[in-house]
Amino acid sequence: MKWNVWVDEWQMQCCGDPFSIGATVSWTLRPVDRDWLTRVLGEETAATIDWGEDHHSDPSADQLHVEAQVTHISAVHAQLERVPDENAYQPVNGVLSSQTSADGWNPDQGDHKFMGYLVTLAVDQ
C-alpha cells in the first residue's frame, strides 16, 4: 500500500531527520488540513494526500505511528497571496519538483516560497 504524506518545511527544519528515496522512515502521522492543502496544491493533488507528518502534537487517537519506505519525494513551492481584509498571507499556486532527498532547507524559487514536501511511502499492512 502507498500513502502520500505532507511534510511541513518547519517541522523538518526543527526536528526532522533528512531522508532520501529508498530510506525507511519512522514517522508519526496525523490527518491533514485538506482546506489548506487545497489552497496550496489545488483540489486534485490535495485529494491524493493521506496524512501529514508530525513532530509536535500531543498524542491523540487520530494519530498513527508508521515505519515505511520512501518511494518518491517532491518539494513544494508556492506563491504567497494576501488574505483579503487581514494582515496575513496564504500560500497558493503550488508547484511540485521531484527530488531524491529532503533535509528541510530547499531554497525559494523566485516568487515561489518553499512550503514542504509531498512524500510517497510504501507501507506494509
N, C-alpha and C. Protein backbone atom coordinates (compact mmCIF):
# COMPACT_ATOMS: atom_id res chain seq x y z
N MET A 1 0.85 -1.16 0.00
CA MET A 1 0.00 0.00 0.00
C MET A 1 0.90 1.24 0.00
N LYS A 2 0.46 2.27 -0.72
CA LYS A 2 1.21 3.53 -0.78
C LYS A 2 0.38 4.64 -0.18
N TRP A 3 1.03 5.50 0.60
CA TRP A 3 0.40 6.68 1.17
C TRP A 3 1.18 7.90 0.76
N ASN A 4 0.46 8.97 0.43
CA ASN A 4 1.08 10.27 0.20
C ASN A 4 1.00 11.06 1.50
N VAL A 5 2.14 11.60 1.92
CA VAL A 5 2.25 12.28 3.21
C VAL A 5 2.79 13.69 3.00
N TRP A 6 2.12 14.66 3.62
CA TRP A 6 2.59 16.04 3.62
C TRP A 6 3.58 16.22 4.77
N VAL A 7 4.72 16.87 4.48
CA VAL A 7 5.74 17.18 5.49
C VAL A 7 6.00 18.68 5.44
N ASP A 8 5.60 19.41 6.49
CA ASP A 8 5.84 20.86 6.56
C ASP A 8 7.32 21.16 6.62
N GLU A 9 7.73 22.24 5.94
CA GLU A 9 9.14 22.62 5.96
C GLU A 9 9.60 22.94 7.38
N TRP A 10 8.77 23.61 8.18
CA TRP A 10 9.19 23.99 9.53
C TRP A 10 9.35 22.78 10.44
N GLN A 11 8.55 21.74 10.22
CA GLN A 11 8.69 20.52 11.03
C GLN A 11 10.04 19.86 10.72
N MET A 12 10.41 19.81 9.45
CA MET A 12 11.71 19.23 9.06
C MET A 12 12.84 20.08 9.61
N GLN A 13 12.74 21.39 9.49
CA GLN A 13 13.81 22.28 9.93
C GLN A 13 14.01 22.21 11.44
N CYS A 14 12.94 22.03 12.17
CA CYS A 14 13.01 21.99 13.63
C CYS A 14 13.52 20.64 14.14
N CYS A 15 12.86 19.58 13.75
CA CYS A 15 13.09 18.28 14.41
C CYS A 15 13.23 17.11 13.45
N GLY A 16 13.14 17.35 12.18
CA GLY A 16 13.15 16.24 11.23
C GLY A 16 14.54 15.74 10.91
N ASP A 17 14.60 14.48 10.55
CA ASP A 17 15.85 13.88 10.09
C ASP A 17 15.83 13.84 8.57
N PRO A 18 16.91 14.23 7.91
CA PRO A 18 16.96 14.12 6.45
C PRO A 18 16.64 12.69 6.01
N PHE A 19 16.03 12.59 4.83
CA PHE A 19 15.69 11.27 4.29
C PHE A 19 15.85 11.31 2.78
N SER A 20 15.85 10.13 2.18
CA SER A 20 16.02 10.04 0.73
C SER A 20 15.16 8.89 0.21
N ILE A 21 15.04 8.84 -1.10
CA ILE A 21 14.30 7.74 -1.73
C ILE A 21 15.00 6.43 -1.37
N GLY A 22 14.20 5.45 -0.96
CA GLY A 22 14.72 4.15 -0.57
C GLY A 22 14.94 4.02 0.93
N ALA A 23 14.96 5.15 1.65
CA ALA A 23 15.18 5.11 3.10
C ALA A 23 13.91 4.62 3.81
N THR A 24 14.10 4.02 4.98
CA THR A 24 12.99 3.68 5.86
C THR A 24 12.87 4.78 6.90
N VAL A 25 11.67 5.33 7.02
CA VAL A 25 11.41 6.40 7.99
C VAL A 25 10.46 5.88 9.06
N SER A 26 10.56 6.46 10.23
CA SER A 26 9.68 6.16 11.35
C SER A 26 9.00 7.46 11.73
N TRP A 27 7.74 7.61 11.33
CA TRP A 27 7.04 8.89 11.47
C TRP A 27 5.73 8.73 12.25
N THR A 28 5.35 9.82 12.90
CA THR A 28 4.01 9.95 13.45
C THR A 28 3.18 10.71 12.43
N LEU A 29 2.03 10.16 12.08
CA LEU A 29 1.16 10.75 11.07
C LEU A 29 -0.13 11.23 11.73
N ARG A 30 -0.70 12.28 11.15
CA ARG A 30 -1.96 12.85 11.62
C ARG A 30 -2.83 13.17 10.42
N PRO A 31 -4.12 13.36 10.62
CA PRO A 31 -4.96 13.80 9.50
C PRO A 31 -4.46 15.15 8.97
N VAL A 32 -4.62 15.36 7.68
CA VAL A 32 -4.14 16.60 7.05
C VAL A 32 -5.21 17.68 7.09
N ASP A 33 -4.76 18.91 6.95
CA ASP A 33 -5.66 20.06 6.80
C ASP A 33 -5.97 20.17 5.31
N ARG A 34 -7.02 19.50 4.90
CA ARG A 34 -7.35 19.41 3.48
C ARG A 34 -7.65 20.78 2.86
N ASP A 35 -8.29 21.70 3.60
CA ASP A 35 -8.59 23.02 3.06
C ASP A 35 -7.30 23.78 2.74
N TRP A 36 -6.33 23.73 3.66
CA TRP A 36 -5.06 24.41 3.44
C TRP A 36 -4.33 23.80 2.24
N LEU A 37 -4.27 22.47 2.19
CA LEU A 37 -3.59 21.80 1.09
C LEU A 37 -4.27 22.09 -0.25
N THR A 38 -5.59 22.22 -0.25
CA THR A 38 -6.30 22.54 -1.49
C THR A 38 -5.91 23.93 -1.99
N ARG A 39 -5.76 24.89 -1.08
CA ARG A 39 -5.32 26.24 -1.49
C ARG A 39 -3.90 26.19 -2.06
N VAL A 40 -3.04 25.38 -1.44
CA VAL A 40 -1.64 25.33 -1.86
C VAL A 40 -1.48 24.55 -3.16
N LEU A 41 -2.10 23.38 -3.25
CA LEU A 41 -1.81 22.45 -4.34
C LEU A 41 -2.95 22.23 -5.33
N GLY A 42 -4.11 22.77 -5.03
CA GLY A 42 -5.26 22.51 -5.88
C GLY A 42 -5.99 21.27 -5.40
N GLU A 43 -7.26 21.20 -5.75
CA GLU A 43 -8.13 20.13 -5.25
C GLU A 43 -7.69 18.74 -5.68
N GLU A 44 -7.27 18.61 -6.93
CA GLU A 44 -6.91 17.28 -7.45
C GLU A 44 -5.71 16.69 -6.70
N THR A 45 -4.66 17.48 -6.52
CA THR A 45 -3.47 16.97 -5.82
C THR A 45 -3.75 16.80 -4.33
N ALA A 46 -4.41 17.78 -3.73
CA ALA A 46 -4.71 17.70 -2.29
C ALA A 46 -5.52 16.45 -1.96
N ALA A 47 -6.39 16.04 -2.85
CA ALA A 47 -7.23 14.86 -2.61
C ALA A 47 -6.41 13.58 -2.54
N THR A 48 -5.18 13.58 -3.05
CA THR A 48 -4.34 12.38 -3.03
C THR A 48 -3.53 12.25 -1.75
N ILE A 49 -3.54 13.26 -0.89
CA ILE A 49 -2.69 13.26 0.31
C ILE A 49 -3.44 12.59 1.46
N ASP A 50 -2.83 11.53 1.99
CA ASP A 50 -3.47 10.71 3.00
C ASP A 50 -3.22 11.18 4.43
N TRP A 51 -2.02 11.68 4.71
CA TRP A 51 -1.60 12.01 6.07
C TRP A 51 -0.67 13.21 6.06
N GLY A 52 -0.45 13.77 7.24
CA GLY A 52 0.59 14.76 7.47
C GLY A 52 1.55 14.23 8.51
N GLU A 53 2.83 14.43 8.30
CA GLU A 53 3.85 14.01 9.27
C GLU A 53 3.90 15.04 10.38
N ASP A 54 4.10 14.58 11.65
CA ASP A 54 4.00 15.49 12.78
C ASP A 54 4.98 15.14 13.89
N HIS A 55 5.70 16.17 14.36
CA HIS A 55 6.62 16.01 15.49
C HIS A 55 6.12 16.67 16.76
N HIS A 56 5.08 17.50 16.68
CA HIS A 56 4.80 18.43 17.76
C HIS A 56 3.45 18.27 18.46
N SER A 57 2.54 17.52 17.94
CA SER A 57 1.22 17.39 18.58
C SER A 57 1.29 16.43 19.75
N ASP A 58 0.42 16.68 20.71
CA ASP A 58 0.26 15.72 21.80
C ASP A 58 -0.34 14.44 21.24
N PRO A 59 -0.02 13.31 21.83
CA PRO A 59 -0.61 12.05 21.36
C PRO A 59 -2.14 12.12 21.36
N SER A 60 -2.74 11.56 20.31
CA SER A 60 -4.20 11.53 20.22
C SER A 60 -4.63 10.28 19.45
N ALA A 61 -5.93 10.00 19.54
CA ALA A 61 -6.48 8.80 18.91
C ALA A 61 -6.42 8.85 17.38
N ASP A 62 -6.32 10.06 16.81
CA ASP A 62 -6.32 10.14 15.34
C ASP A 62 -4.91 10.11 14.75
N GLN A 63 -3.89 9.88 15.57
CA GLN A 63 -2.53 9.76 15.08
C GLN A 63 -2.18 8.30 14.82
N LEU A 64 -1.15 8.12 14.01
CA LEU A 64 -0.70 6.78 13.64
C LEU A 64 0.82 6.81 13.58
N HIS A 65 1.47 5.82 14.15
CA HIS A 65 2.92 5.70 14.01
C HIS A 65 3.21 4.65 12.94
N VAL A 66 4.12 4.98 12.03
CA VAL A 66 4.39 4.08 10.91
C VAL A 66 5.89 4.03 10.62
N GLU A 67 6.35 2.87 10.21
CA GLU A 67 7.68 2.71 9.62
C GLU A 67 7.44 2.29 8.18
N ALA A 68 8.03 3.03 7.26
CA ALA A 68 7.74 2.78 5.84
C ALA A 68 8.91 3.24 4.99
N GLN A 69 8.92 2.77 3.75
CA GLN A 69 9.99 3.12 2.82
C GLN A 69 9.56 4.29 1.95
N VAL A 70 10.45 5.26 1.79
CA VAL A 70 10.21 6.42 0.93
C VAL A 70 10.39 6.00 -0.52
N THR A 71 9.35 6.21 -1.34
CA THR A 71 9.44 5.85 -2.76
C THR A 71 9.44 7.06 -3.68
N HIS A 72 9.01 8.23 -3.19
CA HIS A 72 9.02 9.44 -4.02
C HIS A 72 9.02 10.66 -3.11
N ILE A 73 9.73 11.71 -3.55
CA ILE A 73 9.78 12.98 -2.83
C ILE A 73 9.57 14.10 -3.82
N SER A 74 8.66 15.02 -3.51
CA SER A 74 8.52 16.26 -4.28
C SER A 74 8.62 17.43 -3.33
N ALA A 75 9.45 18.40 -3.66
CA ALA A 75 9.47 19.67 -2.94
C ALA A 75 8.29 20.48 -3.44
N VAL A 76 7.66 21.24 -2.54
CA VAL A 76 6.52 22.07 -2.90
C VAL A 76 6.87 23.52 -2.64
N HIS A 77 6.71 24.34 -3.68
CA HIS A 77 6.91 25.79 -3.59
C HIS A 77 5.60 26.46 -4.00
N ALA A 78 5.26 27.56 -3.32
CA ALA A 78 4.00 28.25 -3.62
C ALA A 78 4.18 29.75 -3.50
N GLN A 79 3.33 30.47 -4.21
CA GLN A 79 3.29 31.92 -4.09
C GLN A 79 2.52 32.28 -2.82
N LEU A 80 2.81 33.45 -2.27
CA LEU A 80 2.07 33.94 -1.12
C LEU A 80 1.10 35.02 -1.58
N GLU A 81 -0.16 34.85 -1.21
CA GLU A 81 -1.24 35.76 -1.61
C GLU A 81 -1.82 36.39 -0.35
N ARG A 82 -2.03 37.71 -0.40
CA ARG A 82 -2.60 38.40 0.76
C ARG A 82 -4.05 37.95 0.98
N VAL A 83 -4.38 37.68 2.23
CA VAL A 83 -5.74 37.32 2.61
C VAL A 83 -6.54 38.62 2.68
N PRO A 84 -7.66 38.71 1.94
CA PRO A 84 -8.45 39.94 1.95
C PRO A 84 -8.87 40.34 3.37
N ASP A 85 -8.76 41.62 3.66
CA ASP A 85 -9.18 42.21 4.93
C ASP A 85 -8.40 41.69 6.14
N GLU A 86 -7.23 41.14 5.92
CA GLU A 86 -6.39 40.67 7.02
C GLU A 86 -4.95 41.06 6.72
N ASN A 87 -4.16 41.12 7.78
CA ASN A 87 -2.74 41.37 7.61
C ASN A 87 -2.01 40.03 7.62
N ALA A 88 -2.38 39.18 6.67
CA ALA A 88 -1.83 37.82 6.60
C ALA A 88 -1.74 37.39 5.14
N TYR A 89 -0.92 36.36 4.93
CA TYR A 89 -0.74 35.79 3.60
C TYR A 89 -0.99 34.29 3.66
N GLN A 90 -1.44 33.75 2.52
CA GLN A 90 -1.63 32.30 2.41
C GLN A 90 -0.95 31.80 1.15
N PRO A 91 -0.42 30.58 1.20
CA PRO A 91 0.23 30.02 0.01
C PRO A 91 -0.81 29.56 -1.01
N VAL A 92 -0.51 29.81 -2.29
CA VAL A 92 -1.38 29.40 -3.40
C VAL A 92 -0.50 29.03 -4.59
N ASN A 93 -1.10 28.39 -5.59
CA ASN A 93 -0.42 28.09 -6.85
C ASN A 93 0.86 27.28 -6.66
N GLY A 94 0.77 26.24 -5.83
CA GLY A 94 1.95 25.42 -5.56
C GLY A 94 2.41 24.62 -6.76
N VAL A 95 3.70 24.43 -6.82
CA VAL A 95 4.31 23.59 -7.86
C VAL A 95 5.18 22.53 -7.18
N LEU A 96 5.21 21.35 -7.77
CA LEU A 96 5.98 20.24 -7.24
C LEU A 96 7.19 20.00 -8.11
N SER A 97 8.31 19.68 -7.47
CA SER A 97 9.51 19.29 -8.22
C SER A 97 10.11 18.07 -7.55
N SER A 98 10.27 17.02 -8.34
CA SER A 98 10.80 15.76 -7.83
C SER A 98 12.24 15.94 -7.39
N GLN A 99 12.60 15.20 -6.34
CA GLN A 99 13.99 15.19 -5.88
C GLN A 99 14.28 13.86 -5.21
N THR A 100 15.55 13.60 -4.96
CA THR A 100 15.94 12.30 -4.42
C THR A 100 16.13 12.31 -2.91
N SER A 101 16.21 13.50 -2.30
CA SER A 101 16.40 13.57 -0.85
C SER A 101 15.74 14.84 -0.32
N ALA A 102 15.61 14.90 1.01
CA ALA A 102 14.98 16.04 1.66
C ALA A 102 15.65 16.32 2.99
N ASP A 103 15.97 17.61 3.23
CA ASP A 103 16.56 17.99 4.51
C ASP A 103 15.84 19.18 5.15
N GLY A 104 14.79 19.71 4.48
CA GLY A 104 14.02 20.82 5.04
C GLY A 104 14.49 22.20 4.63
N TRP A 105 15.56 22.29 3.88
CA TRP A 105 16.16 23.59 3.58
C TRP A 105 16.22 23.89 2.08
N ASN A 106 15.18 23.58 1.34
CA ASN A 106 15.16 23.91 -0.08
C ASN A 106 15.08 25.42 -0.27
N PRO A 107 15.83 25.96 -1.22
CA PRO A 107 15.75 27.40 -1.47
C PRO A 107 14.43 27.76 -2.14
N ASP A 108 14.01 29.02 -1.95
CA ASP A 108 12.84 29.53 -2.66
C ASP A 108 13.16 29.55 -4.15
N GLN A 109 12.11 29.57 -4.98
CA GLN A 109 12.27 29.63 -6.43
C GLN A 109 11.58 30.89 -6.94
N GLY A 110 12.32 31.99 -6.99
CA GLY A 110 11.73 33.26 -7.40
C GLY A 110 10.66 33.68 -6.41
N ASP A 111 9.44 33.92 -6.92
CA ASP A 111 8.35 34.33 -6.04
C ASP A 111 7.61 33.15 -5.43
N HIS A 112 8.10 31.93 -5.63
CA HIS A 112 7.53 30.73 -5.02
C HIS A 112 8.38 30.35 -3.80
N LYS A 113 7.75 30.37 -2.64
CA LYS A 113 8.43 30.07 -1.38
C LYS A 113 8.32 28.57 -1.08
N PHE A 114 9.38 28.04 -0.46
CA PHE A 114 9.39 26.63 -0.10
C PHE A 114 8.40 26.39 1.03
N MET A 115 7.50 25.40 0.84
CA MET A 115 6.43 25.10 1.80
C MET A 115 6.62 23.76 2.50
N GLY A 116 7.23 22.80 1.81
CA GLY A 116 7.37 21.47 2.40
C GLY A 116 7.53 20.41 1.32
N TYR A 117 7.22 19.18 1.71
CA TYR A 117 7.40 18.05 0.81
C TYR A 117 6.12 17.23 0.71
N LEU A 118 5.90 16.68 -0.45
CA LEU A 118 4.90 15.64 -0.64
C LEU A 118 5.70 14.35 -0.85
N VAL A 119 5.52 13.40 0.08
CA VAL A 119 6.33 12.19 0.12
C VAL A 119 5.42 10.98 -0.05
N THR A 120 5.82 10.05 -0.89
CA THR A 120 5.09 8.80 -1.04
C THR A 120 5.82 7.72 -0.25
N LEU A 121 5.06 7.03 0.61
CA LEU A 121 5.59 5.96 1.42
C LEU A 121 4.99 4.62 0.99
N ALA A 122 5.82 3.58 0.95
CA ALA A 122 5.33 2.21 0.76
C ALA A 122 5.16 1.62 2.15
N VAL A 123 3.92 1.31 2.50
CA VAL A 123 3.59 0.88 3.85
C VAL A 123 3.17 -0.59 3.82
N ASP A 124 3.77 -1.40 4.68
CA ASP A 124 3.35 -2.79 4.82
C ASP A 124 2.11 -2.83 5.69
N GLN A 125 1.11 -3.56 5.29
CA GLN A 125 -0.13 -3.68 6.09
C GLN A 125 -0.46 -5.12 6.31
